[in-house]
Amino acid sequence: MKKLMLMCNAGMSTSVLVRKMQNIADEKGIAIDIWAISEIDFEKNWRLADAILLGPQVSYMQDKVSEAVEGSIPVGVIAIVDYGRMDGEKVLAQGLALLEEE
């Protein structure tokens, strides 16, 4: 099962998005585990993930996160429009595409 971690400032709004994404994945029979964390929980969680998507509000951290994972897993930023609309289907597609880079 693939594992996709989403990260934002506090993990709150991203948790809503995770539920939408997981529901869509379940409906489509996609085996994926998706969860959200706050940026302060990054260090203790990133090794559990196969890919990381950052919320737009922490997009400035992309280089730092990429350095921390030392290229071992792909890191991307959720499209701001999809995040704002809480478009679980589009963000899931973005996450799945990122997982294919692995």
Protein backbone atom coordinates (compact mmCIF):
# COMPACT_ATOMS: atom_id res chain seq x y z
CA MET A 1 0.00 0.00 0.00
CA LYS A 2 1.37 3.43 -0.96
CA LYS A 3 1.60 6.09 1.72
CA LEU A 4 1.04 9.78 1.02
CA MET A 5 1.67 12.41 3.67
CA LEU A 6 0.25 15.93 3.44
CA MET A 7 1.80 18.72 5.47
CA CYS A 8 0.52 22.18 6.34
CA ASN A 9 0.93 24.70 9.17
CA ALA A 10 -1.30 23.02 11.73
CA GLY A 11 -2.66 19.96 9.91
CA MET A 12 -6.26 21.10 10.41
CA SER A 13 -7.49 22.19 6.97
CA THR A 14 -5.40 19.52 5.33
CA SER A 15 -7.18 16.88 7.43
CA VAL A 16 -10.46 17.81 5.72
CA LEU A 17 -8.77 17.37 2.35
CA VAL A 18 -7.31 14.01 3.42
CA ARG A 19 -10.79 12.68 4.25
CA LYS A 20 -12.06 13.69 0.82
CA MET A 21 -9.04 12.16 -0.89
CA GLN A 22 -9.28 8.90 1.06
CA ASN A 23 -13.01 8.57 0.32
CA ILE A 24 -12.37 8.99 -3.41
CA ALA A 25 -9.48 6.51 -3.31
CA ASP A 26 -11.66 3.99 -1.48
CA GLU A 27 -14.49 4.45 -4.00
CA LYS A 28 -12.06 3.84 -6.86
CA GLY A 29 -10.41 0.86 -5.18
CA ILE A 30 -7.03 2.61 -4.90
CA ALA A 31 -4.92 1.17 -2.09
CA ILE A 32 -3.37 4.23 -0.47
CA ASP A 33 -2.93 5.51 3.05
CA ILE A 34 -3.18 9.31 3.29
CA TRP A 35 -2.65 11.42 6.39
CA ALA A 36 -1.97 15.01 7.36
CA ILE A 37 0.57 16.46 9.74
CA SER A 38 1.61 19.88 10.93
CA GLU A 39 5.03 21.17 9.97
CA ILE A 40 6.29 20.64 13.53
CA ASP A 41 5.57 16.90 13.20
CA PHE A 42 7.53 16.54 9.95
CA GLU A 43 10.71 15.02 11.38
CA LYS A 44 8.99 12.19 13.23
CA ASN A 45 6.63 11.31 10.34
CA TRP A 46 8.34 11.69 6.96
CA ARG A 47 10.06 8.29 7.02
CA LEU A 48 6.62 6.64 7.07
CA ALA A 49 5.69 8.21 3.71
CA ASP A 50 6.33 7.22 0.10
CA ALA A 51 5.69 10.82 -1.03
CA ILE A 52 4.93 14.19 0.55
CA LEU A 53 2.57 16.90 -0.61
CA LEU A 54 2.88 20.32 1.00
CA GLY A 55 -0.06 22.65 1.45
CA PRO A 56 0.35 25.93 -0.45
CA GLN A 57 0.77 27.81 2.83
CA VAL A 58 4.04 25.92 3.47
CA SER A 59 5.24 25.82 -0.13
CA TYR A 60 8.23 27.92 0.97
CA MET A 61 9.45 24.78 2.79
CA GLN A 62 9.73 22.62 -0.35
CA ASP A 63 13.51 22.96 -0.67
CA LYS A 64 14.03 22.36 3.06
CA VAL A 65 11.81 19.27 3.03
CA SER A 66 13.50 17.93 -0.13
CA GLU A 67 16.89 18.36 1.53
CA ALA A 68 15.70 16.65 4.71
CA VAL A 69 14.47 13.56 2.83
CA GLU A 70 17.72 13.56 0.80
CA GLY A 71 15.90 12.66 -2.41
CA SER A 72 14.64 9.39 -0.95
CA ILE A 73 10.99 10.28 -1.66
CA PRO A 74 9.31 12.80 -3.96
CA VAL A 75 8.05 16.10 -2.55
CA GLY A 76 5.46 18.33 -4.22
CA VAL A 77 3.20 21.29 -3.49
CA ILE A 78 -0.59 21.07 -3.76
CA ALA A 79 -1.96 23.37 -6.44
CA ILE A 80 -3.38 26.41 -4.65
CA VAL A 81 -6.69 26.36 -6.57
CA ASP A 82 -7.27 22.66 -5.79
CA TYR A 83 -6.38 23.24 -2.15
CA GLY A 84 -8.67 26.25 -1.88
CA ARG A 85 -11.55 24.28 -3.36
CA MET A 86 -10.70 21.25 -1.22
CA ASP A 87 -10.80 19.26 -4.48
CA GLY A 88 -9.98 15.80 -3.17
CA GLU A 89 -10.08 14.22 -6.60
CA LYS A 90 -7.53 16.57 -8.16
CA VAL A 91 -5.20 16.49 -5.17
CA LEU A 92 -5.43 12.69 -5.09
CA ALA A 93 -4.46 12.63 -8.77
CA GLN A 94 -1.54 14.95 -8.00
CA GLY A 95 -0.44 12.68 -5.15
CA LEU A 96 -0.71 9.53 -7.27
CA ALA A 97 1.38 11.18 -9.99
CA LEU A 98 3.98 12.08 -7.37
CA LEU A 99 4.02 8.50 -6.12
CA GLU A 100 4.77 7.30 -9.65
CA GLU A 101 7.97 9.36 -9.54
CA GLU A 102 9.17 7.29 -6.60
